[in-house]
Amino acid sequence: MRATINALWNRKMASITMENRGRGAGGDGDAARVDSRTDVSSRMADVANRYPSRMLAAKAARISTDQLARQIKGMNRPFFDTVARLCAGQGVSLDWVATGEGPMMRDDRLESGRAPASSGAVDRLDEALLGNLVQGLEDYLSRESLTPSPADHARLIVLLYRMMARRRAELRRQGAAVPDQLCRPGHPFDFAADPDLSDIVHLAS
């Protein structure tokens, strides 16, 4: 599952790389390669700088300080789960890190004015939801022979994740039981059984 999520993240990063190279066509080849990662790396640095120290930032991302430094310098491409954990600890939007678009801080933090909890339990819960969503989506796309573009694929995952996170939050506010697919790993979504989700996938593909 980690490999699948990282592959989708790398695909998104590759599309951004191609866009950056297209804008810089005609320039020096080495410069183009560096520029393709500079923006994401600089935004990762902005997130890391919100921590009291780079050591604590690396600990939140569950990588070494050397690995974090290499990713911030653009020497290594970061994995999705590394960036997700780094962002989760400070309530930073993954969309903002990946594209530079929209607000830096997630909506829930902007509205509450408070940093979100960053305990291991919360991180595992979010990863469980994302993993179940990605696995279910990949199974459904394969079964329906749907092939969205890399950019549409990435946007679809972000949209569906937000929808399911809101659904989970609403169930908790109501005191209702939360289905395993929303909170426990190993329970992929059944898109075929949910007309709303399957309609969204078909419209995006």
C-alpha atoms as a PDB file:
ATOM      1  CA  MET A   1       0.000   0.000   0.000  1.00  0.00           C
ATOM      2  CA  ARG A   2       2.822   2.409   0.853  1.00  0.00           C
ATOM      3  CA  ALA A   3       4.322   1.731  -2.584  1.00  0.00           C
ATOM      4  CA  THR A   4       1.000   2.487  -4.300  1.00  0.00           C
ATOM      5  CA  ILE A   5       0.520   5.794  -2.491  1.00  0.00           C
ATOM      6  CA  ASN A   6       4.126   6.838  -3.100  1.00  0.00           C
ATOM      7  CA  ALA A   7       3.790   5.930  -6.781  1.00  0.00           C
ATOM      8  CA  LEU A   8       0.784   8.256  -7.119  1.00  0.00           C
ATOM      9  CA  TRP A   9       2.659  11.021  -5.301  1.00  0.00           C
ATOM     10  CA  ASN A  10       5.712  10.559  -7.541  1.00  0.00           C
ATOM     11  CA  ARG A  11       3.455  10.671 -10.592  1.00  0.00           C
ATOM     12  CA  LYS A  12       2.083  14.006  -9.402  1.00  0.00           C
ATOM     13  CA  MET A  13       5.593  15.303  -8.741  1.00  0.00           C
ATOM     14  CA  ALA A  14       6.672  14.155 -12.210  1.00  0.00           C
ATOM     15  CA  SER A  15       3.826  16.091 -13.832  1.00  0.00           C
ATOM     16  CA  ILE A  16       4.878  19.212 -11.934  1.00  0.00           C
ATOM     17  CA  THR A  17       8.466  18.599 -13.054  1.00  0.00           C
ATOM     18  CA  MET A  18       7.391  18.460 -16.694  1.00  0.00           C
ATOM     19  CA  GLU A  19       5.413  21.685 -16.321  1.00  0.00           C
ATOM     20  CA  ASN A  20       8.425  23.436 -14.778  1.00  0.00           C
ATOM     21  CA  ARG A  21      10.729  22.168 -17.526  1.00  0.00           C
ATOM     22  CA  GLY A  22       8.269  23.350 -20.146  1.00  0.00           C
ATOM     23  CA  ARG A  23       8.275  26.837 -18.663  1.00  0.00           C
ATOM     24  CA  GLY A  24      12.058  26.807 -18.539  1.00  0.00           C
ATOM     25  CA  ALA A  25      12.610  25.355 -22.019  1.00  0.00           C
ATOM     26  CA  GLY A  26      15.662  26.707 -23.734  1.00  0.00           C
ATOM     27  CA  GLY A  27      17.599  27.160 -20.509  1.00  0.00           C
ATOM     28  CA  ASP A  28      20.509  25.245 -19.097  1.00  0.00           C
ATOM     29  CA  GLY A  29      19.712  21.511 -18.641  1.00  0.00           C
ATOM     30  CA  ASP A  30      21.186  21.280 -15.156  1.00  0.00           C
ATOM     31  CA  ALA A  31      19.311  24.384 -14.060  1.00  0.00           C
ATOM     32  CA  ALA A  32      16.057  22.913 -15.366  1.00  0.00           C
ATOM     33  CA  ARG A  33      16.597  19.754 -13.364  1.00  0.00           C
ATOM     34  CA  VAL A  34      17.255  21.721 -10.190  1.00  0.00           C
ATOM     35  CA  ASP A  35      14.329  24.095 -10.757  1.00  0.00           C
ATOM     36  CA  SER A  36      11.948  21.189 -11.216  1.00  0.00           C
ATOM     37  CA  ARG A  37      12.320  20.355  -7.522  1.00  0.00           C
ATOM     38  CA  THR A  38      13.231  23.715  -6.014  1.00  0.00           C
ATOM     39  CA  ASP A  39       9.661  24.905  -5.430  1.00  0.00           C
ATOM     40  CA  VAL A  40       8.495  21.773  -3.623  1.00  0.00           C
ATOM     41  CA  SER A  41      11.761  21.583  -1.690  1.00  0.00           C
ATOM     42  CA  SER A  42      11.520  25.212  -0.607  1.00  0.00           C
ATOM     43  CA  ARG A  43       7.967  24.671   0.613  1.00  0.00           C
ATOM     44  CA  MET A  44       9.137  21.595   2.523  1.00  0.00           C
ATOM     45  CA  ALA A  45      11.756  23.838   4.129  1.00  0.00           C
ATOM     46  CA  ASP A  46       9.003  26.295   5.108  1.00  0.00           C
ATOM     47  CA  VAL A  47       7.122  23.460   6.815  1.00  0.00           C
ATOM     48  CA  ALA A  48      10.260  22.146   8.547  1.00  0.00           C
ATOM     49  CA  ASN A  49      11.036  25.663   9.803  1.00  0.00           C
ATOM     50  CA  ARG A  50       7.742  25.706  11.697  1.00  0.00           C
ATOM     51  CA  TYR A  51       9.178  23.084  14.048  1.00  0.00           C
ATOM     52  CA  PRO A  52      11.427  24.161  16.940  1.00  0.00           C
ATOM     53  CA  SER A  53      14.329  22.371  15.255  1.00  0.00           C
ATOM     54  CA  ARG A  54      15.167  20.369  12.147  1.00  0.00           C
ATOM     55  CA  MET A  55      15.711  17.359  14.391  1.00  0.00           C
ATOM     56  CA  LEU A  56      12.097  17.535  15.582  1.00  0.00           C
ATOM     57  CA  ALA A  57      10.903  18.068  12.010  1.00  0.00           C
ATOM     58  CA  ALA A  58      12.791  14.946  10.902  1.00  0.00           C
ATOM     59  CA  LYS A  59      11.362  13.017  13.834  1.00  0.00           C
ATOM     60  CA  ALA A  60       7.824  14.029  12.848  1.00  0.00           C
ATOM     61  CA  ALA A  61       8.509  12.900   9.271  1.00  0.00           C
ATOM     62  CA  ARG A  62      10.112   9.688  10.591  1.00  0.00           C
ATOM     63  CA  ILE A  63      13.315  10.162   8.629  1.00  0.00           C
ATOM     64  CA  SER A  64      16.845  11.147   9.595  1.00  0.00           C
ATOM     65  CA  THR A  65      17.957  14.773   9.709  1.00  0.00           C
ATOM     66  CA  ASP A  66      20.337  14.012   6.830  1.00  0.00           C
ATOM     67  CA  GLN A  67      17.495  12.633   4.701  1.00  0.00           C
ATOM     68  CA  LEU A  68      15.387  15.687   5.470  1.00  0.00           C
ATOM     69  CA  ALA A  69      18.255  18.001   4.547  1.00  0.00           C
ATOM     70  CA  ARG A  70      18.775  16.228   1.208  1.00  0.00           C
ATOM     71  CA  GLN A  71      15.080  16.472   0.367  1.00  0.00           C
ATOM     72  CA  ILE A  72      14.925  20.146   1.307  1.00  0.00           C
ATOM     73  CA  LYS A  73      17.964  20.808  -0.901  1.00  0.00           C
ATOM     74  CA  GLY A  74      16.211  19.049  -3.797  1.00  0.00           C
ATOM     75  CA  MET A  75      18.811  16.288  -3.934  1.00  0.00           C
ATOM     76  CA  ASN A  76      16.253  13.537  -3.251  1.00  0.00           C
ATOM     77  CA  ARG A  77      12.575  13.405  -4.175  1.00  0.00           C
ATOM     78  CA  PRO A  78      10.483  13.028  -0.992  1.00  0.00           C
ATOM     79  CA  PHE A  79       8.032  10.169  -0.551  1.00  0.00           C
ATOM     80  CA  PHE A  80       4.363  10.998  -0.018  1.00  0.00           C
ATOM     81  CA  ASP A  81       4.194   9.580   3.495  1.00  0.00           C
ATOM     82  CA  THR A  82       7.259  11.601   4.518  1.00  0.00           C
ATOM     83  CA  VAL A  83       5.658  14.863   3.366  1.00  0.00           C
ATOM     84  CA  ALA A  84       2.274  13.871   4.815  1.00  0.00           C
ATOM     85  CA  ARG A  85       3.726  13.298   8.282  1.00  0.00           C
ATOM     86  CA  LEU A  86       5.791  16.480   8.124  1.00  0.00           C
ATOM     87  CA  CYS A  87       2.694  18.483   7.185  1.00  0.00           C
ATOM     88  CA  ALA A  88       0.398  16.749   9.692  1.00  0.00           C
ATOM     89  CA  GLY A  89       2.518  17.861  12.630  1.00  0.00           C
ATOM     90  CA  GLN A  90       1.946  21.524  11.767  1.00  0.00           C
ATOM     91  CA  GLY A  91      -1.442  21.443  10.046  1.00  0.00           C
ATOM     92  CA  VAL A  92      -0.004  22.363   6.644  1.00  0.00           C
ATOM     93  CA  SER A  93      -1.910  21.567   3.455  1.00  0.00           C
ATOM     94  CA  LEU A  94      -0.419  18.837   1.259  1.00  0.00           C
ATOM     95  CA  ASP A  95      -1.910  20.606  -1.772  1.00  0.00           C
ATOM     96  CA  TRP A  96       0.096  23.699  -0.930  1.00  0.00           C
ATOM     97  CA  VAL A  97       3.368  21.765  -0.610  1.00  0.00           C
ATOM     98  CA  ALA A  98       2.798  19.901  -3.888  1.00  0.00           C
ATOM     99  CA  THR A  99       1.559  22.805  -6.033  1.00  0.00           C
ATOM    100  CA  GLY A 100       2.077  26.065  -4.150  1.00  0.00           C
ATOM    101  CA  GLU A 101      -1.611  26.840  -4.704  1.00  0.00           C
ATOM    102  CA  GLY A 102      -4.199  27.692  -2.065  1.00  0.00           C
ATOM    103  CA  PRO A 103      -3.614  28.438   1.619  1.00  0.00           C
ATOM    104  CA  MET A 104      -0.587  27.003   3.371  1.00  0.00           C
ATOM    105  CA  MET A 105      -2.587  25.915   6.407  1.00  0.00           C
ATOM    106  CA  ARG A 106      -5.383  23.365   6.274  1.00  0.00           C
ATOM    107  CA  ASP A 107      -8.917  24.710   6.577  1.00  0.00           C
ATOM    108  CA  ASP A 108      -9.532  23.016   9.924  1.00  0.00           C
ATOM    109  CA  ARG A 109      -6.588  24.822  11.469  1.00  0.00           C
ATOM    110  CA  LEU A 110      -7.492  28.173   9.897  1.00  0.00           C
ATOM    111  CA  GLU A 111     -11.041  27.915  11.244  1.00  0.00           C
ATOM    112  CA  SER A 112     -10.126  26.809  14.753  1.00  0.00           C
ATOM    113  CA  GLY A 113      -6.980  28.883  15.151  1.00  0.00           C
ATOM    114  CA  ARG A 114      -5.368  25.855  16.807  1.00  0.00           C
ATOM    115  CA  ALA A 115      -2.798  23.351  15.667  1.00  0.00           C
ATOM    116  CA  PRO A 116      -4.267  19.901  15.034  1.00  0.00           C
ATOM    117  CA  ALA A 117      -3.284  17.003  17.226  1.00  0.00           C
ATOM    118  CA  SER A 118      -0.164  15.255  15.997  1.00  0.00           C
ATOM    119  CA  SER A 119      -0.167  12.091  18.069  1.00  0.00           C
ATOM    120  CA  GLY A 120       0.812   8.789  16.526  1.00  0.00           C
ATOM    121  CA  ALA A 121      -2.804   7.610  16.797  1.00  0.00           C
ATOM    122  CA  VAL A 122      -4.048  10.514  14.680  1.00  0.00           C
ATOM    123  CA  ASP A 123      -1.318   9.971  12.087  1.00  0.00           C
ATOM    124  CA  ARG A 124      -2.148   6.257  11.836  1.00  0.00           C
ATOM    125  CA  LEU A 125      -5.853   7.041  11.507  1.00  0.00           C
ATOM    126  CA  ASP A 126      -5.274   9.405   8.591  1.00  0.00           C
ATOM    127  CA  GLU A 127      -2.939   6.940   6.885  1.00  0.00           C
ATOM    128  CA  ALA A 128      -5.540   4.198   7.323  1.00  0.00           C
ATOM    129  CA  LEU A 129      -8.238   6.310   5.656  1.00  0.00           C
ATOM    130  CA  LEU A 130      -5.945   7.272   2.786  1.00  0.00           C
ATOM    131  CA  GLY A 131      -4.714   3.719   2.293  1.00  0.00           C
ATOM    132  CA  ASN A 132      -8.247   2.291   2.211  1.00  0.00           C
ATOM    133  CA  LEU A 133      -9.306   5.005  -0.203  1.00  0.00           C
ATOM    134  CA  VAL A 134      -6.395   4.514  -2.608  1.00  0.00           C
ATOM    135  CA  GLN A 135      -6.692   0.737  -2.618  1.00  0.00           C
ATOM    136  CA  GLY A 136     -10.442   0.867  -3.249  1.00  0.00           C
ATOM    137  CA  LEU A 137     -10.008   3.478  -5.970  1.00  0.00           C
ATOM    138  CA  GLU A 138      -7.288   1.524  -7.772  1.00  0.00           C
ATOM    139  CA  ASP A 139      -9.407  -1.646  -7.680  1.00  0.00           C
ATOM    140  CA  TYR A 140     -12.426   0.226  -9.060  1.00  0.00           C
ATOM    141  CA  LEU A 141     -10.460   1.982 -11.814  1.00  0.00           C
ATOM    142  CA  SER A 142      -9.011  -1.348 -12.923  1.00  0.00           C
ATOM    143  CA  ARG A 143     -12.384  -3.120 -12.854  1.00  0.00           C
ATOM    144  CA  GLU A 144     -14.071  -0.326 -14.829  1.00  0.00           C
ATOM    145  CA  SER A 145     -11.103   0.133 -17.226  1.00  0.00           C
ATOM    146  CA  LEU A 146     -10.898   3.824 -16.340  1.00  0.00           C
ATOM    147  CA  THR A 147      -7.637   5.681 -16.931  1.00  0.00           C
ATOM    148  CA  PRO A 148      -7.737   9.266 -15.614  1.00  0.00           C
ATOM    149  CA  SER A 149      -4.752  11.461 -16.394  1.00  0.00           C
ATOM    150  CA  PRO A 150      -2.073  11.703 -13.677  1.00  0.00           C
ATOM    151  CA  ALA A 151      -3.266  15.197 -12.736  1.00  0.00           C
ATOM    152  CA  ASP A 152      -6.928  14.125 -12.585  1.00  0.00           C
ATOM    153  CA  HIS A 153      -5.918  11.019 -10.629  1.00  0.00           C
ATOM    154  CA  ALA A 154      -4.145  13.111  -8.012  1.00  0.00           C
ATOM    155  CA  ARG A 155      -7.022  15.603  -7.749  1.00  0.00           C
ATOM    156  CA  LEU A 156      -9.490  12.727  -7.444  1.00  0.00           C
ATOM    157  CA  ILE A 157      -7.623  11.255  -4.490  1.00  0.00           C
ATOM    158  CA  VAL A 158      -7.483  14.642  -2.741  1.00  0.00           C
ATOM    159  CA  LEU A 159     -11.202  15.276  -3.344  1.00  0.00           C
ATOM    160  CA  LEU A 160     -12.296  11.838  -2.175  1.00  0.00           C
ATOM    161  CA  TYR A 161     -10.040  11.992   0.879  1.00  0.00           C
ATOM    162  CA  ARG A 162     -11.558  15.302   1.941  1.00  0.00           C
ATOM    163  CA  MET A 163     -15.070  13.961   1.424  1.00  0.00           C
ATOM    164  CA  MET A 164     -14.422  10.850   3.487  1.00  0.00           C
ATOM    165  CA  ALA A 165     -12.664  12.816   6.228  1.00  0.00           C
ATOM    166  CA  ARG A 166     -15.713  15.085   6.483  1.00  0.00           C
ATOM    167  CA  ARG A 167     -18.019  12.058   6.496  1.00  0.00           C
ATOM    168  CA  ARG A 168     -16.007  10.547   9.330  1.00  0.00           C
ATOM    169  CA  ALA A 169     -16.048  13.797  11.314  1.00  0.00           C
ATOM    170  CA  GLU A 170     -19.831  14.105  10.895  1.00  0.00           C
ATOM    171  CA  LEU A 171     -20.404  10.549  12.112  1.00  0.00           C
ATOM    172  CA  ARG A 172     -18.334  11.287  15.198  1.00  0.00           C
ATOM    173  CA  ARG A 173     -20.226  14.499  15.899  1.00  0.00           C
ATOM    174  CA  GLN A 174     -23.451  12.516  15.741  1.00  0.00           C
ATOM    175  CA  GLY A 175     -22.072   9.834  18.031  1.00  0.00           C
ATOM    176  CA  ALA A 176     -22.636   7.243  15.304  1.00  0.00           C
ATOM    177  CA  ALA A 177     -20.476   4.210  14.598  1.00  0.00           C
ATOM    178  CA  VAL A 178     -17.597   4.887  12.202  1.00  0.00           C
ATOM    179  CA  PRO A 179     -17.188   2.188   9.509  1.00  0.00           C
ATOM    180  CA  ASP A 180     -13.882   0.334   9.462  1.00  0.00           C
ATOM    181  CA  GLN A 181     -13.003   1.703   6.027  1.00  0.00           C
ATOM    182  CA  LEU A 182     -12.913   5.204   7.519  1.00  0.00           C
ATOM    183  CA  CYS A 183     -10.582   4.418  10.377  1.00  0.00           C
ATOM    184  CA  ARG A 184      -8.908   0.990  10.220  1.00  0.00           C
ATOM    185  CA  PRO A 185      -6.248  -0.176   7.752  1.00  0.00           C
ATOM    186  CA  GLY A 186      -6.985  -3.131   5.523  1.00  0.00           C
ATOM    187  CA  HIS A 187     -10.599  -2.179   4.760  1.00  0.00           C
ATOM    188  CA  PRO A 188     -10.612  -0.709   1.223  1.00  0.00           C
ATOM    189  CA  PHE A 189     -13.593   1.288   0.023  1.00  0.00           C
ATOM    190  CA  ASP A 190     -16.104  -0.500  -2.209  1.00  0.00           C
ATOM    191  CA  PHE A 191     -16.726   2.174  -4.826  1.00  0.00           C
ATOM    192  CA  ALA A 192     -19.187  -0.004  -6.730  1.00  0.00           C
ATOM    193  CA  ALA A 193     -21.433  -0.122  -3.661  1.00  0.00           C
ATOM    194  CA  ASP A 194     -21.454   3.670  -3.205  1.00  0.00           C
ATOM    195  CA  PRO A 195     -23.221   5.466  -6.109  1.00  0.00           C
ATOM    196  CA  ASP A 196     -21.965   8.890  -5.005  1.00  0.00           C
ATOM    197  CA  LEU A 197     -18.323   7.810  -5.045  1.00  0.00           C
ATOM    198  CA  SER A 198     -18.590   5.853  -8.295  1.00  0.00           C
ATOM    199  CA  ASP A 199     -20.303   8.805 -10.012  1.00  0.00           C
ATOM    200  CA  ILE A 200     -17.501  11.138  -8.962  1.00  0.00           C
ATOM    201  CA  VAL A 201     -14.867   8.717 -10.261  1.00  0.00           C
ATOM    202  CA  HIS A 202     -16.593   8.388 -13.632  1.00  0.00           C
ATOM    203  CA  LEU A 203     -17.019  12.158 -13.975  1.00  0.00           C
ATOM    204  CA  ALA A 204     -13.318  12.697 -13.200  1.00  0.00           C
ATOM    205  CA  SER A 205     -12.199   9.994 -15.616  1.00  0.00           C
END
